Protein backbone atom coordinates (compact mmCIF):
# COMPACT_ATOMS: atom_id res chain seq x y z
CA MET A 1 -9.03 -41.18 70.88
CA SER A 2 -9.92 -44.96 71.29
CA ASN A 3 -9.99 -47.21 68.10
CA PRO A 4 -9.55 -44.48 65.64
CA THR A 5 -11.06 -45.37 62.17
CA ILE A 6 -8.55 -45.25 59.35
CA LEU A 7 -9.90 -45.16 55.82
CA VAL A 8 -7.19 -47.14 53.61
CA VAL A 9 -7.60 -46.33 49.86
CA GLU A 10 -5.26 -48.83 48.21
CA ASP A 11 -5.83 -51.07 45.07
CA GLU A 12 -2.86 -53.49 45.67
CA ALA A 13 -4.37 -56.35 47.75
CA SER A 14 -0.94 -57.28 49.38
CA PHE A 15 -0.69 -53.84 50.85
CA VAL A 16 -4.31 -53.83 51.91
CA GLU A 17 -3.79 -57.08 53.73
CA ALA A 18 -0.59 -55.99 55.45
CA LEU A 19 -2.13 -52.63 56.48
CA GLU A 20 -5.47 -54.26 57.92
CA ILE A 21 -3.18 -56.74 60.05
CA GLY A 22 -0.54 -54.00 61.06
CA LEU A 23 -2.91 -51.23 61.70
CA GLY A 24 -5.21 -53.59 63.38
CA ARG A 25 -2.56 -54.73 65.76
CA GLU A 26 -2.01 -51.09 66.73
CA GLY A 27 -5.55 -50.67 67.73
CA PHE A 28 -7.01 -48.85 64.61
CA HIS A 29 -10.29 -49.80 63.06
CA VAL A 30 -9.60 -50.19 59.36
CA GLU A 31 -11.95 -49.39 56.54
CA VAL A 32 -10.95 -50.13 52.86
CA ALA A 33 -11.64 -48.62 49.55
CA THR A 34 -9.91 -49.96 46.31
CA ASP A 35 -10.50 -47.24 43.90
CA GLY A 36 -11.04 -43.36 43.89
CA VAL A 37 -14.96 -43.46 43.52
CA GLU A 38 -15.33 -45.91 46.22
CA ALA A 39 -13.08 -44.13 48.32
CA LEU A 40 -15.42 -40.92 48.34
CA ASP A 41 -18.44 -43.08 48.95
CA ARG A 42 -16.69 -44.89 51.91
CA PHE A 43 -15.50 -41.53 53.24
CA LYS A 44 -19.19 -40.24 53.48
CA GLN A 45 -20.36 -43.54 55.07
CA VAL A 46 -17.77 -44.12 57.72
CA ASP A 47 -16.52 -40.52 58.70
CA PRO A 48 -13.02 -41.84 59.31
CA ASP A 49 -10.45 -40.26 61.75
CA LEU A 50 -7.87 -40.16 59.07
CA VAL A 51 -7.35 -41.10 55.41
CA LEU A 52 -4.32 -43.08 54.20
CA LEU A 53 -4.63 -42.38 50.29
CA ASP A 54 -2.67 -43.83 47.66
CA VAL A 55 -1.94 -41.60 44.70
CA MET A 56 -2.28 -44.11 41.94
CA LEU A 57 -5.83 -45.44 41.88
CA PRO A 58 -8.54 -46.68 39.35
CA ARG A 59 -11.35 -44.68 38.34
CA ALA A 60 -10.30 -41.42 40.12
CA SER A 61 -6.69 -40.48 41.33
CA GLY A 62 -5.61 -40.06 44.79
CA ILE A 63 -4.93 -36.25 43.87
CA ASP A 64 -8.69 -35.83 42.87
CA VAL A 65 -9.96 -37.67 45.79
CA CYS A 66 -7.84 -35.53 48.23
CA ARG A 67 -8.93 -32.40 46.58
CA GLN A 68 -12.61 -33.46 46.91
CA ILE A 69 -12.41 -34.59 50.61
CA ARG A 70 -10.41 -31.45 51.46
CA SER A 71 -13.18 -29.20 49.96
CA VAL A 72 -15.62 -30.70 52.73
CA SER A 73 -13.50 -31.85 55.69
CA GLY A 74 -10.29 -31.13 57.58
CA VAL A 75 -9.87 -34.69 58.40
CA PRO A 76 -5.98 -35.69 58.27
CA ILE A 77 -4.83 -37.16 54.93
CA ILE A 78 -1.64 -38.96 54.52
CA MET A 79 -0.62 -39.62 50.86
CA VAL A 80 1.02 -42.70 49.67
CA THR A 81 3.16 -42.69 46.50
CA ALA A 82 5.25 -45.34 44.72
CA LYS A 83 7.08 -42.97 42.59
CA SER A 84 10.57 -41.73 43.12
CA SER A 85 9.80 -38.38 41.58
CA GLU A 86 8.69 -35.57 43.85
CA ILE A 87 5.86 -34.20 41.78
CA ASP A 88 3.25 -36.43 43.21
CA THR A 89 4.37 -35.44 46.71
CA VAL A 90 4.26 -31.78 46.05
CA VAL A 91 0.81 -31.84 44.09
CA GLY A 92 -0.64 -33.84 46.96
CA LEU A 93 0.42 -31.34 49.59
CA GLU A 94 -0.78 -28.55 47.47
CA VAL A 95 -4.41 -29.94 47.23
CA GLY A 96 -4.53 -30.46 51.01
CA ALA A 97 -2.78 -33.55 52.31
CA ASP A 98 -1.07 -33.17 55.63
CA ASP A 99 1.74 -35.71 55.16
CA TYR A 100 3.14 -38.48 52.76
CA VAL A 101 4.81 -41.61 52.72
CA THR A 102 6.64 -43.47 49.85
CA LYS A 103 6.39 -47.15 49.08
CA PRO A 104 7.83 -49.59 50.36
CA TYR A 105 7.45 -48.08 53.88
CA ARG A 106 7.81 -49.56 57.14
CA ILE A 107 4.69 -50.12 59.12
CA ARG A 108 6.30 -48.77 62.28
CA GLU A 109 7.03 -45.30 60.48
CA LEU A 110 3.50 -45.21 59.12
CA VAL A 111 2.02 -45.70 62.45
CA ALA A 112 4.12 -43.08 63.88
CA ARG A 113 3.08 -40.52 61.21
CA ILE A 114 -0.57 -41.75 61.83
CA ARG A 115 -0.33 -40.97 65.46
CA VAL A 116 1.17 -37.58 64.96
CA GLN A 117 -1.73 -36.50 62.67
CA LEU A 118 -4.32 -38.01 64.99
CA ARG A 119 -2.86 -36.21 67.96
CA ARG A 120 -3.01 -32.81 66.32
CA ALA A 121 -6.35 -33.28 65.12
CA SER A 122 -7.80 -34.37 68.54
CA GLY A 123 -5.78 -31.53 70.04
CA GLU A 124 -7.39 -28.89 67.93
CA ALA A 125 -11.04 -30.48 68.53
CA ALA A 126 -10.38 -30.36 72.09
CA ALA A 127 -9.37 -26.69 72.00
CA GLU A 128 -12.66 -25.98 70.20
CA SER A 129 -15.00 -27.76 72.34
CA GLY A 130 -17.22 -25.78 74.72
CA ARG A 131 -15.76 -22.51 73.92
CA PRO A 132 -17.96 -19.66 72.27
CA ASP A 133 -17.86 -19.18 68.61
CA VAL A 134 -16.63 -15.40 68.90
CA ASP A 135 -14.34 -13.24 66.85
CA GLY A 136 -12.20 -10.86 68.67
CA GLU A 137 -11.21 -11.98 72.04
CA GLY A 138 -7.97 -13.87 71.96
CA ALA A 139 -7.58 -13.15 68.10
CA VAL A 140 -4.26 -12.40 66.47
CA ARG A 141 -4.32 -9.69 63.99
CA ALA A 142 -1.85 -8.46 61.64
CA GLY A 143 -1.83 -6.94 58.07
CA GLY A 144 -5.50 -7.41 57.29
CA VAL A 145 -5.46 -10.94 58.56
CA VAL A 146 -7.49 -12.00 61.76
CA LEU A 147 -7.03 -15.46 63.18
CA ASP A 148 -9.21 -16.59 66.05
CA PRO A 149 -7.75 -19.88 67.61
CA ASP A 150 -10.69 -20.48 69.65
CA ALA A 151 -13.17 -20.41 66.91
CA HIS A 152 -10.62 -21.85 64.37
CA ARG A 153 -11.51 -18.95 62.01
CA VAL A 154 -9.52 -16.87 59.79
CA THR A 155 -10.51 -13.65 57.89
CA VAL A 156 -8.58 -12.14 55.26
CA ASP A 157 -9.37 -8.41 54.52
CA GLY A 158 -12.76 -8.98 56.09
CA LEU A 159 -13.62 -12.28 54.15
CA GLU A 160 -13.47 -15.67 56.00
CA VAL A 161 -11.14 -18.30 54.40
CA ALA A 162 -11.22 -22.03 55.23
CA LEU A 163 -7.68 -23.41 56.24
CA PRO A 164 -6.84 -27.12 56.82
CA LEU A 165 -5.17 -27.74 60.41
CA LYS A 166 -1.67 -27.62 59.38
CA GLU A 167 -2.00 -24.34 57.42
CA PHE A 168 -3.85 -22.89 60.32
CA GLU A 169 -1.05 -23.68 62.69
CA VAL A 170 1.67 -22.43 60.64
CA LEU A 171 -0.36 -19.20 60.04
CA HIS A 172 -1.29 -18.93 63.82
CA LEU A 173 2.64 -19.11 64.63
CA LEU A 174 3.76 -16.60 62.13
CA LEU A 175 1.02 -14.14 63.06
CA ALA A 176 1.80 -14.65 66.69
CA ASN A 177 5.50 -13.71 65.85
CA ALA A 178 4.74 -10.90 63.34
CA GLY A 179 7.83 -8.95 62.66
CA ARG A 180 10.15 -11.74 63.62
CA VAL A 181 12.02 -14.28 61.58
CA LEU A 182 11.01 -17.90 62.30
CA THR A 183 13.53 -20.40 61.24
CA ARG A 184 12.39 -23.40 59.14
CA GLU A 185 13.64 -25.57 62.06
CA THR A 186 11.44 -23.74 64.60
CA LEU A 187 8.28 -23.81 62.24
CA ILE A 188 8.70 -27.57 61.58
CA ASP A 189 9.24 -28.53 65.36
CA ARG A 190 6.38 -26.29 66.58
CA VAL A 191 3.90 -27.44 63.91
CA TRP A 192 4.77 -30.84 62.87
CA GLY A 193 6.79 -31.91 66.17
CA ARG A 194 10.40 -32.90 66.84
CA ASP A 195 9.21 -36.60 65.95
CA TYR A 196 8.58 -35.32 62.26
CA VAL A 197 10.50 -37.55 59.83
CA GLY A 198 9.49 -36.16 56.46
CA ASP A 199 11.54 -33.73 54.52
CA THR A 200 11.36 -29.76 54.89
CA LYS A 201 9.56 -29.32 51.50
CA THR A 202 6.52 -30.02 53.34
CA LEU A 203 6.84 -26.43 55.05
CA ASP A 204 7.40 -24.83 51.75
CA VAL A 205 4.37 -26.32 50.26
CA HIS A 206 2.19 -25.11 53.11
CA ILE A 207 3.76 -21.73 52.86
CA LYS A 208 2.99 -21.55 49.19
CA ARG A 209 -0.74 -22.63 49.78
CA LEU A 210 -1.04 -20.08 52.52
CA ARG A 211 0.27 -17.35 50.47
CA GLY A 212 -2.49 -18.35 47.85
CA LYS A 213 -5.06 -17.55 50.40
CA VAL A 214 -3.85 -14.55 52.47
CA GLU A 215 -1.71 -12.52 49.86
CA PRO A 216 -3.04 -9.99 47.57
CA ASP A 217 -0.59 -11.11 44.81
CA PRO A 218 0.82 -14.53 45.81
CA THR A 219 3.46 -14.29 43.16
CA HIS A 220 4.91 -11.09 45.00
CA PRO A 221 4.15 -11.93 48.72
CA THR A 222 4.13 -8.85 51.14
CA ARG A 223 2.80 -10.68 54.09
CA ILE A 224 4.46 -13.82 54.38
CA VAL A 225 8.05 -13.25 53.18
CA THR A 226 11.07 -15.55 52.71
CA ILE A 227 14.15 -14.56 54.75
CA ARG A 228 16.76 -16.42 52.70
CA GLY A 229 18.98 -18.74 54.52
CA LEU A 230 16.97 -18.58 57.67
CA GLY A 231 13.13 -19.10 57.23
CA TYR A 232 10.08 -17.07 57.14
CA LYS A 233 8.56 -13.82 58.62
CA TYR A 234 5.01 -12.13 58.79
CA GLU A 235 5.50 -8.67 58.09
CA ARG A 236 3.77 -6.03 60.29
CA THR A 237 1.84 -3.74 57.82
C-alpha cells in the first residue's frame, strides 16, 4: 500500500502539527478533522485507510465517532486517550476500535502500531480479492457458527453477523481449533503479531464483543469459554 491516507481526528493544534510532520515523513498522507462532527464528514469524503481518533473531542466524542464509523466500515481505528483511567480504552475497544495509544506517545511507537493495522487490513483485502463469494467450501463450522474466510462472512444459527477484522481473526482461530485450549499468548501472537505492544486486556474486550454476537446468552457463554489461568476454548457442541 503506497502513501496510505490517515485521518487524524484531534483538536489540539500541537498534536496535529506534530502528527502531520511525523506521519508525513513516514510516507503517509494525512487528513485532519478537529471535532467529532467534522470527523464523520471527512471520513465520507476521503475514505481513509486508517483513522487515528482522539477520545475527547468537541461536538461529538471519539467514542460516538468510532461507533458510527464502525457501523458502516471495517477500516482500522486507533483510539487516542489522555486519561490514565482504563475506562476510555475499554469502551473504545467495545465499540469497535482495533487498538489504542495513550498521550503522550512516541511517534515511532505510533507508526509501528499504524503499520501493524494497515498490514492486517491489506492482507485481509488481498485474501478476498478475486475469489468467489460462496458459503461452504473452505468454511469452518462449529456449534451453529459458520465462518467463511474467503468471503469474510460469519453466520450464527443461520443469521449473518458483521465482524470487524480483529474479531473475525480471533473467531477464525478459535473455530479452527475448536475443542482445544488456546493460550492468551497464542491468540495475541497470532492475531496482533509478536510486535504488539499493547496490554492483554485488548484480547479480553474482543472476546467479550464476540460473545455478544455468537452466544445465545453472552452472560453464560457456552461456545467461547474461559479456561482460567490459560486462555480460551471454542467448545464443540
